[in-house]
Amino acid sequence: LESEKHVHAEKVNVFIDEVMKEAGLPLKELSAV
């Protein structure tokens, strides 16, 4: 999401949750960030 309002604080954790759910994987499966 590209926005002039700089939505990073609002969206970054939401996006993290969404990509994990879309892939059907829990955070504990991550190897690295």
PDB file of all heavy atoms in Angstrom:
ATOM      1  N   LEU A   1       0.848  -1.185   0.000  1.00  0.00           N
ATOM      2  CA  LEU A   1       0.000   0.000   0.000  1.00  0.00           C
ATOM      3  C   LEU A   1       0.888   1.240   0.000  1.00  0.00           C
ATOM      4  O   LEU A   1       1.683   1.453   0.910  1.00  0.00           O
ATOM      5  CB  LEU A   1      -0.905   0.020   1.234  1.00  0.00           C
ATOM      6  CG  LEU A   1      -1.832   1.245   1.346  1.00  0.00           C
ATOM      7  CD1 LEU A   1      -2.785   1.314   0.157  1.00  0.00           C
ATOM      8  CD2 LEU A   1      -2.614   1.203   2.654  1.00  0.00           C
ATOM      9  N   GLU A   2       0.747   2.045  -1.060  1.00  0.00           N
ATOM     10  CA  GLU A   2       1.488   3.298  -1.159  1.00  0.00           C
ATOM     11  C   GLU A   2       0.522   4.441  -0.903  1.00  0.00           C
ATOM     12  O   GLU A   2      -0.521   4.534  -1.539  1.00  0.00           O
ATOM     13  CB  GLU A   2       2.122   3.447  -2.542  1.00  0.00           C
ATOM     14  CG  GLU A   2       3.041   4.653  -2.660  1.00  0.00           C
ATOM     15  CD  GLU A   2       3.793   4.685  -3.978  1.00  0.00           C
ATOM     16  OE1 GLU A   2       3.334   4.037  -4.938  1.00  0.00           O
ATOM     17  OE2 GLU A   2       4.833   5.350  -4.057  1.00  0.00           O
ATOM     18  N   SER A   3       0.886   5.310   0.037  1.00  0.00           N
ATOM     19  CA  SER A   3      -0.018   6.382   0.426  1.00  0.00           C
ATOM     20  C   SER A   3       0.758   7.613   0.858  1.00  0.00           C
ATOM     21  O   SER A   3       1.831   7.504   1.471  1.00  0.00           O
ATOM     22  CB  SER A   3      -0.922   5.917   1.578  1.00  0.00           C
ATOM     23  OG  SER A   3      -1.668   6.990   2.099  1.00  0.00           O
ATOM     24  N   GLU A   4       0.217   8.781   0.534  1.00  0.00           N
ATOM     25  CA  GLU A   4       0.823  10.031   0.967  1.00  0.00           C
ATOM     26  C   GLU A   4       0.702  10.208   2.480  1.00  0.00           C
ATOM     27  O   GLU A   4       1.395  11.024   3.071  1.00  0.00           O
ATOM     28  CB  GLU A   4       0.147  11.213   0.261  1.00  0.00           C
ATOM     29  CG  GLU A   4       0.375  11.251  -1.242  1.00  0.00           C
ATOM     30  CD  GLU A   4       1.818  11.533  -1.614  1.00  0.00           C
ATOM     31  OE1 GLU A   4       2.505  12.193  -0.803  1.00  0.00           O
ATOM     32  OE2 GLU A   4       2.260  11.085  -2.680  1.00  0.00           O
ATOM     33  N   LYS A   5      -0.178   9.448   3.099  1.00  0.00           N
ATOM     34  CA  LYS A   5      -0.439   9.602   4.534  1.00  0.00           C
ATOM     35  C   LYS A   5       0.540   8.819   5.408  1.00  0.00           C
ATOM     36  O   LYS A   5       0.442   8.860   6.632  1.00  0.00           O
ATOM     37  CB  LYS A   5      -1.868   9.170   4.848  1.00  0.00           C
ATOM     38  CG  LYS A   5      -2.926  10.029   4.178  1.00  0.00           C
ATOM     39  CD  LYS A   5      -4.334   9.549   4.535  1.00  0.00           C
ATOM     40  CE  LYS A   5      -5.396  10.401   3.875  1.00  0.00           C
ATOM     41  NZ  LYS A   5      -6.775   9.946   4.209  1.00  0.00           N
ATOM     42  N   HIS A   6       1.455   8.056   4.795  1.00  0.00           N
ATOM     43  CA  HIS A   6       2.418   7.261   5.560  1.00  0.00           C
ATOM     44  C   HIS A   6       1.703   6.361   6.570  1.00  0.00           C
ATOM     45  O   HIS A   6       1.697   6.630   7.777  1.00  0.00           O
ATOM     46  CB  HIS A   6       3.433   8.162   6.262  1.00  0.00           C
ATOM     47  CG  HIS A   6       4.361   8.869   5.316  1.00  0.00           C
ATOM     48  ND1 HIS A   6       5.491   8.278   4.804  1.00  0.00           N
ATOM     49  CD2 HIS A   6       4.297  10.104   4.774  1.00  0.00           C
ATOM     50  CE1 HIS A   6       6.091   9.130   3.991  1.00  0.00           C
ATOM     51  NE2 HIS A   6       5.377  10.241   3.943  1.00  0.00           N
ATOM     52  N   VAL A   7       1.111   5.297   6.066  1.00  0.00           N
ATOM     53  CA  VAL A   7       0.273   4.413   6.880  1.00  0.00           C
ATOM     54  C   VAL A   7       1.051   3.264   7.527  1.00  0.00           C
ATOM     55  O   VAL A   7       0.460   2.311   8.014  1.00  0.00           O
ATOM     56  CB  VAL A   7      -0.864   3.826   6.011  1.00  0.00           C
ATOM     57  CG1 VAL A   7      -1.774   4.924   5.506  1.00  0.00           C
ATOM     58  CG2 VAL A   7      -0.291   3.029   4.832  1.00  0.00           C
ATOM     59  N   HIS A   8       2.366   3.368   7.567  1.00  0.00           N
ATOM     60  CA  HIS A   8       3.185   2.256   8.047  1.00  0.00           C
ATOM     61  C   HIS A   8       2.816   1.795   9.448  1.00  0.00           C
ATOM     62  O   HIS A   8       2.675   0.597   9.700  1.00  0.00           O
ATOM     63  CB  HIS A   8       4.664   2.655   8.005  1.00  0.00           C
ATOM     64  CG  HIS A   8       5.118   3.137   6.671  1.00  0.00           C
ATOM     65  ND1 HIS A   8       4.798   4.378   6.178  1.00  0.00           N
ATOM     66  CD2 HIS A   8       5.858   2.546   5.706  1.00  0.00           C
ATOM     67  CE1 HIS A   8       5.322   4.541   4.983  1.00  0.00           C
ATOM     68  NE2 HIS A   8       5.979   3.428   4.669  1.00  0.00           N
ATOM     69  N   ALA A   9       2.675   2.745  10.364  1.00  0.00           N
ATOM     70  CA  ALA A   9       2.361   2.374  11.750  1.00  0.00           C
ATOM     71  C   ALA A   9       1.021   1.666  11.841  1.00  0.00           C
ATOM     72  O   ALA A   9       0.836   0.761  12.656  1.00  0.00           O
ATOM     73  CB  ALA A   9       2.362   3.623  12.640  1.00  0.00           C
ATOM     74  N   GLU A  10       0.098   2.071  11.004  1.00  0.00           N
ATOM     75  CA  GLU A  10      -1.247   1.502  11.012  1.00  0.00           C
ATOM     76  C   GLU A  10      -1.305   0.148  10.326  1.00  0.00           C
ATOM     77  O   GLU A  10      -2.062  -0.733  10.747  1.00  0.00           O
ATOM     78  CB  GLU A  10      -2.200   2.470  10.318  1.00  0.00           C
ATOM     79  CG  GLU A  10      -3.623   1.961  10.141  1.00  0.00           C
ATOM     80  CD  GLU A  10      -4.473   2.902   9.304  1.00  0.00           C
ATOM     81  OE1 GLU A  10      -4.037   4.043   9.050  1.00  0.00           O
ATOM     82  OE2 GLU A  10      -5.570   2.486   8.890  1.00  0.00           O
ATOM     83  N   LYS A  11      -0.510  -0.044   9.274  1.00  0.00           N
ATOM     84  CA  LYS A  11      -0.691  -1.196   8.398  1.00  0.00           C
ATOM     85  C   LYS A  11       0.336  -2.314   8.519  1.00  0.00           C
ATOM     86  O   LYS A  11       0.034  -3.461   8.175  1.00  0.00           O
ATOM     87  CB  LYS A  11      -0.723  -0.726   6.942  1.00  0.00           C
ATOM     88  CG  LYS A  11      -1.948   0.118   6.581  1.00  0.00           C
ATOM     89  CD  LYS A  11      -3.225  -0.698   6.665  1.00  0.00           C
ATOM     90  CE  LYS A  11      -4.431   0.098   6.179  1.00  0.00           C
ATOM     91  NZ  LYS A  11      -5.688  -0.678   6.272  1.00  0.00           N
ATOM     92  N   VAL A  12       1.565  -2.023   8.963  1.00  0.00           N
ATOM     93  CA  VAL A  12       2.599  -3.048   8.849  1.00  0.00           C
ATOM     94  C   VAL A  12       2.257  -4.317   9.620  1.00  0.00           C
ATOM     95  O   VAL A  12       2.404  -5.434   9.099  1.00  0.00           O
ATOM     96  CB  VAL A  12       3.985  -2.495   9.261  1.00  0.00           C
ATOM     97  CG1 VAL A  12       4.053  -2.158  10.743  1.00  0.00           C
ATOM     98  CG2 VAL A  12       5.088  -3.465   8.872  1.00  0.00           C
ATOM     99  N   ASN A  13       1.769  -4.191  10.848  1.00  0.00           N
ATOM    100  CA  ASN A  13       1.427  -5.395  11.616  1.00  0.00           C
ATOM    101  C   ASN A  13       0.169  -6.079  11.081  1.00  0.00           C
ATOM    102  O   ASN A  13       0.048  -7.307  11.147  1.00  0.00           O
ATOM    103  CB  ASN A  13       1.261  -5.039  13.090  1.00  0.00           C
ATOM    104  CG  ASN A  13       2.590  -4.740  13.764  1.00  0.00           C
ATOM    105  OD1 ASN A  13       3.531  -5.515  13.673  1.00  0.00           O
ATOM    106  ND2 ASN A  13       2.668  -3.595  14.424  1.00  0.00           N
ATOM    107  N   VAL A  14      -0.752  -5.284  10.532  1.00  0.00           N
ATOM    108  CA  VAL A  14      -1.933  -5.860   9.882  1.00  0.00           C
ATOM    109  C   VAL A  14      -1.505  -6.695   8.683  1.00  0.00           C
ATOM    110  O   VAL A  14      -1.997  -7.815   8.467  1.00  0.00           O
ATOM    111  CB  VAL A  14      -2.901  -4.747   9.433  1.00  0.00           C
ATOM    112  CG1 VAL A  14      -4.054  -5.333   8.617  1.00  0.00           C
ATOM    113  CG2 VAL A  14      -3.443  -3.997  10.642  1.00  0.00           C
ATOM    114  N   PHE A  15      -0.582  -6.156   7.885  1.00  0.00           N
ATOM    115  CA  PHE A  15      -0.109  -6.878   6.698  1.00  0.00           C
ATOM    116  C   PHE A  15       0.629  -8.158   7.088  1.00  0.00           C
ATOM    117  O   PHE A  15       0.515  -9.186   6.411  1.00  0.00           O
ATOM    118  CB  PHE A  15       0.800  -5.981   5.866  1.00  0.00           C
ATOM    119  CG  PHE A  15       0.073  -4.908   5.101  1.00  0.00           C
ATOM    120  CD1 PHE A  15       0.780  -3.942   4.401  1.00  0.00           C
ATOM    121  CD2 PHE A  15      -1.307  -4.866   5.055  1.00  0.00           C
ATOM    122  CE1 PHE A  15       0.124  -2.954   3.678  1.00  0.00           C
ATOM    123  CE2 PHE A  15      -1.988  -3.891   4.347  1.00  0.00           C
ATOM    124  CZ  PHE A  15      -1.263  -2.932   3.650  1.00  0.00           C
ATOM    125  N   ILE A  16       1.418  -8.088   8.161  1.00  0.00           N
ATOM    126  CA  ILE A  16       2.118  -9.292   8.619  1.00  0.00           C
ATOM    127  C   ILE A  16       1.112 -10.384   8.972  1.00  0.00           C
ATOM    128  O   ILE A  16       1.264 -11.547   8.573  1.00  0.00           O
ATOM    129  CB  ILE A  16       3.007  -8.954   9.842  1.00  0.00           C
ATOM    130  CG1 ILE A  16       4.175  -8.071   9.421  1.00  0.00           C
ATOM    131  CG2 ILE A  16       3.524 -10.245  10.502  1.00  0.00           C
ATOM    132  CD1 ILE A  16       4.965  -7.493  10.585  1.00  0.00           C
ATOM    133  N   ASP A  17       0.087 -10.016   9.698  1.00  0.00           N
ATOM    134  CA  ASP A  17      -0.955 -10.975  10.070  1.00  0.00           C
ATOM    135  C   ASP A  17      -1.654 -11.536   8.829  1.00  0.00           C
ATOM    136  O   ASP A  17      -1.906 -12.746   8.742  1.00  0.00           O
ATOM    137  CB  ASP A  17      -1.965 -10.294  10.984  1.00  0.00           C
ATOM    138  CG  ASP A  17      -3.041 -11.243  11.478  1.00  0.00           C
ATOM    139  OD1 ASP A  17      -2.716 -12.262  12.114  1.00  0.00           O
ATOM    140  OD2 ASP A  17      -4.228 -10.964  11.219  1.00  0.00           O
ATOM    141  N   GLU A  18      -1.931 -10.668   7.858  1.00  0.00           N
ATOM    142  CA  GLU A  18      -2.655 -11.106   6.663  1.00  0.00           C
ATOM    143  C   GLU A  18      -1.846 -12.070   5.803  1.00  0.00           C
ATOM    144  O   GLU A  18      -2.389 -13.061   5.287  1.00  0.00           O
ATOM    145  CB  GLU A  18      -3.072  -9.888   5.842  1.00  0.00           C
ATOM    146  CG  GLU A  18      -4.192  -9.081   6.486  1.00  0.00           C
ATOM    147  CD  GLU A  18      -4.609  -7.889   5.659  1.00  0.00           C
ATOM    148  OE1 GLU A  18      -3.946  -7.601   4.632  1.00  0.00           O
ATOM    149  OE2 GLU A  18      -5.601  -7.232   6.021  1.00  0.00           O
ATOM    150  N   VAL A  19      -0.541 -11.805   5.614  1.00  0.00           N
ATOM    151  CA  VAL A  19       0.244 -12.711   4.759  1.00  0.00           C
ATOM    152  C   VAL A  19       0.433 -14.065   5.431  1.00  0.00           C
ATOM    153  O   VAL A  19       0.451 -15.108   4.762  1.00  0.00           O
ATOM    154  CB  VAL A  19       1.603 -12.101   4.363  1.00  0.00           C
ATOM    155  CG1 VAL A  19       1.411 -10.834   3.524  1.00  0.00           C
ATOM    156  CG2 VAL A  19       2.511 -11.840   5.546  1.00  0.00           C
ATOM    157  N   MET A  20       0.561 -14.065   6.749  1.00  0.00           N
ATOM    158  CA  MET A  20       0.697 -15.340   7.458  1.00  0.00           C
ATOM    159  C   MET A  20      -0.594 -16.151   7.345  1.00  0.00           C
ATOM    160  O   MET A  20      -0.572 -17.365   7.096  1.00  0.00           O
ATOM    161  CB  MET A  20       1.051 -15.104   8.920  1.00  0.00           C
ATOM    162  CG  MET A  20       2.367 -14.397   9.176  1.00  0.00           C
ATOM    163  SD  MET A  20       3.831 -15.165   8.421  1.00  0.00           S
ATOM    164  CE  MET A  20       3.832 -16.787   9.187  1.00  0.00           C
ATOM    165  N   LYS A  21      -1.741 -15.482   7.500  1.00  0.00           N
ATOM    166  CA  LYS A  21      -3.021 -16.173   7.395  1.00  0.00           C
ATOM    167  C   LYS A  21      -3.284 -16.656   5.973  1.00  0.00           C
ATOM    168  O   LYS A  21      -3.824 -17.752   5.775  1.00  0.00           O
ATOM    169  CB  LYS A  21      -4.145 -15.249   7.854  1.00  0.00           C
ATOM    170  CG  LYS A  21      -4.189 -15.052   9.374  1.00  0.00           C
ATOM    171  CD  LYS A  21      -5.327 -14.136   9.789  1.00  0.00           C
ATOM    172  CE  LYS A  21      -5.401 -14.006  11.298  1.00  0.00           C
ATOM    173  NZ  LYS A  21      -6.487 -13.059  11.732  1.00  0.00           N
ATOM    174  N   GLU A  22      -2.917 -15.834   4.983  1.00  0.00           N
ATOM    175  CA  GLU A  22      -3.125 -16.258   3.591  1.00  0.00           C
ATOM    176  C   GLU A  22      -2.321 -17.512   3.275  1.00  0.00           C
ATOM    177  O   GLU A  22      -2.787 -18.399   2.553  1.00  0.00           O
ATOM    178  CB  GLU A  22      -2.721 -15.137   2.634  1.00  0.00           C
ATOM    179  CG  GLU A  22      -2.936 -15.486   1.168  1.00  0.00           C
ATOM    180  CD  GLU A  22      -2.613 -14.344   0.226  1.00  0.00           C
ATOM    181  OE1 GLU A  22      -2.808 -13.166   0.616  1.00  0.00           O
ATOM    182  OE2 GLU A  22      -2.170 -14.613  -0.891  1.00  0.00           O
ATOM    183  N   ALA A  23      -1.112 -17.583   3.819  1.00  0.00           N
ATOM    184  CA  ALA A  23      -0.268 -18.759   3.584  1.00  0.00           C
ATOM    185  C   ALA A  23      -0.650 -19.927   4.490  1.00  0.00           C
ATOM    186  O   ALA A  23      -0.178 -21.053   4.287  1.00  0.00           O
ATOM    187  CB  ALA A  23       1.197 -18.402   3.806  1.00  0.00           C
ATOM    188  N   GLY A  24      -1.500 -19.662   5.477  1.00  0.00           N
ATOM    189  CA  GLY A  24      -1.921 -20.716   6.393  1.00  0.00           C
ATOM    190  C   GLY A  24      -0.814 -21.177   7.311  1.00  0.00           C
ATOM    191  O   GLY A  24      -0.736 -22.361   7.667  1.00  0.00           O
ATOM    192  N   LEU A  25       0.053 -20.237   7.718  1.00  0.00           N
ATOM    193  CA  LEU A  25       1.207 -20.592   8.534  1.00  0.00           C
ATOM    194  C   LEU A  25       1.275 -19.707   9.779  1.00  0.00           C
ATOM    195  O   LEU A  25       0.961 -18.522   9.720  1.00  0.00           O
ATOM    196  CB  LEU A  25       2.499 -20.417   7.722  1.00  0.00           C
ATOM    197  CG  LEU A  25       2.644 -21.348   6.509  1.00  0.00           C
ATOM    198  CD1 LEU A  25       3.763 -20.849   5.613  1.00  0.00           C
ATOM    199  CD2 LEU A  25       2.926 -22.774   6.976  1.00  0.00           C
ATOM    200  N   PRO A  26       1.715 -20.256  10.901  1.00  0.00           N
ATOM    201  CA  PRO A  26       1.856 -19.458  12.131  1.00  0.00           C
ATOM    202  C   PRO A  26       3.211 -18.765  12.162  1.00  0.00           C
ATOM    203  O   PRO A  26       4.176 -19.198  11.502  1.00  0.00           O
ATOM    204  CB  PRO A  26       1.758 -20.508  13.236  1.00  0.00           C
ATOM    205  CG  PRO A  26       2.337 -21.744  12.609  1.00  0.00           C
ATOM    206  CD  PRO A  26       1.946 -21.691  11.155  1.00  0.00           C
ATOM    207  N   LEU A  27       3.307 -17.701  12.937  1.00  0.00           N
ATOM    208  CA  LEU A  27       4.565 -16.970  13.052  1.00  0.00           C
ATOM    209  C   LEU A  27       5.708 -17.852  13.561  1.00  0.00           C
ATOM    210  O   LEU A  27       6.871 -17.653  13.189  1.00  0.00           O
ATOM    211  CB  LEU A  27       4.392 -15.773  13.993  1.00  0.00           C
ATOM    212  CG  LEU A  27       3.594 -14.583  13.450  1.00  0.00           C
ATOM    213  CD1 LEU A  27       3.301 -13.596  14.576  1.00  0.00           C
ATOM    214  CD2 LEU A  27       4.341 -13.895  12.321  1.00  0.00           C
ATOM    215  N   LYS A  28       5.385 -18.830  14.378  1.00  0.00           N
ATOM    216  CA  LYS A  28       6.434 -19.676  14.951  1.00  0.00           C
ATOM    217  C   LYS A  28       7.174 -20.497  13.899  1.00  0.00           C
ATOM    218  O   LYS A  28       8.243 -21.049  14.185  1.00  0.00           O
ATOM    219  CB  LYS A  28       5.849 -20.591  16.029  1.00  0.00           C
ATOM    220  CG  LYS A  28       4.871 -21.627  15.500  1.00  0.00           C
ATOM    221  CD  LYS A  28       4.319 -22.478  16.635  1.00  0.00           C
ATOM    222  CE  LYS A  28       3.346 -23.542  16.122  1.00  0.00           C
ATOM    223  NZ  LYS A  28       2.815 -24.374  17.224  1.00  0.00           N
ATOM    224  N   GLU A  29       6.609 -20.575  12.680  1.00  0.00           N
ATOM    225  CA  GLU A  29       7.272 -21.314  11.601  1.00  0.00           C
ATOM    226  C   GLU A  29       8.342 -20.484  10.898  1.00  0.00           C
ATOM    227  O   GLU A  29       9.102 -21.009  10.082  1.00  0.00           O
ATOM    228  CB  GLU A  29       6.242 -21.776  10.571  1.00  0.00           C
ATOM    229  CG  GLU A  29       5.244 -22.795  11.099  1.00  0.00           C
ATOM    230  CD  GLU A  29       5.903 -24.108  11.453  1.00  0.00           C
ATOM    231  OE1 GLU A  29       6.840 -24.515  10.737  1.00  0.00           O
ATOM    232  OE2 GLU A  29       5.482 -24.722  12.450  1.00  0.00           O
ATOM    233  N   LEU A  30       8.407 -19.184  11.167  1.00  0.00           N
ATOM    234  CA  LEU A  30       9.368 -18.325  10.483  1.00  0.00           C
ATOM    235  C   LEU A  30      10.808 -18.735  10.792  1.00  0.00           C
ATOM    236  O   LEU A  30      11.161 -19.065  11.926  1.00  0.00           O
ATOM    237  CB  LEU A  30       9.166 -16.862  10.895  1.00  0.00           C
ATOM    238  CG  LEU A  30       7.903 -16.170  10.387  1.00  0.00           C
ATOM    239  CD1 LEU A  30       7.803 -14.767  10.982  1.00  0.00           C
ATOM    240  CD2 LEU A  30       7.896 -16.093   8.859  1.00  0.00           C
ATOM    241  N   SER A  31      11.643 -18.658   9.742  1.00  0.00           N
ATOM    242  CA  SER A  31      13.067 -18.954   9.898  1.00  0.00           C
ATOM    243  C   SER A  31      13.871 -17.691  10.154  1.00  0.00           C
ATOM    244  O   SER A  31      14.931 -17.735  10.791  1.00  0.00           O
ATOM    245  CB  SER A  31      13.602 -19.627   8.625  1.00  0.00           C
ATOM    246  OG  SER A  31      12.841 -20.751   8.271  1.00  0.00           O
ATOM    247  N   ALA A  32      13.395 -16.555   9.610  1.00  0.00           N
ATOM    248  CA  ALA A  32      14.095 -15.280   9.744  1.00  0.00           C
ATOM    249  C   ALA A  32      13.160 -14.161   9.307  1.00  0.00           C
ATOM    250  O   ALA A  32      12.115 -14.418   8.697  1.00  0.00           O
ATOM    251  CB  ALA A  32      15.373 -15.266   8.900  1.00  0.00           C
ATOM    252  N   VAL A  33      13.556 -12.931   9.617  1.00  0.00           N
ATOM    253  CA  VAL A  33      12.849 -11.755   9.122  1.00  0.00           C
ATOM    254  C   VAL A  33      13.851 -10.876   8.385  1.00  0.00           C
ATOM    255  O   VAL A  33      14.931 -10.569   8.921  1.00  0.00           O
ATOM    256  CB  VAL A  33      12.198 -10.947  10.263  1.00  0.00           C
ATOM    257  CG1 VAL A  33      11.521  -9.694   9.698  1.00  0.00           C
ATOM    258  CG2 VAL A  33      11.179 -11.803  11.011  1.00  0.00           C
TER     259      VAL A  33
END
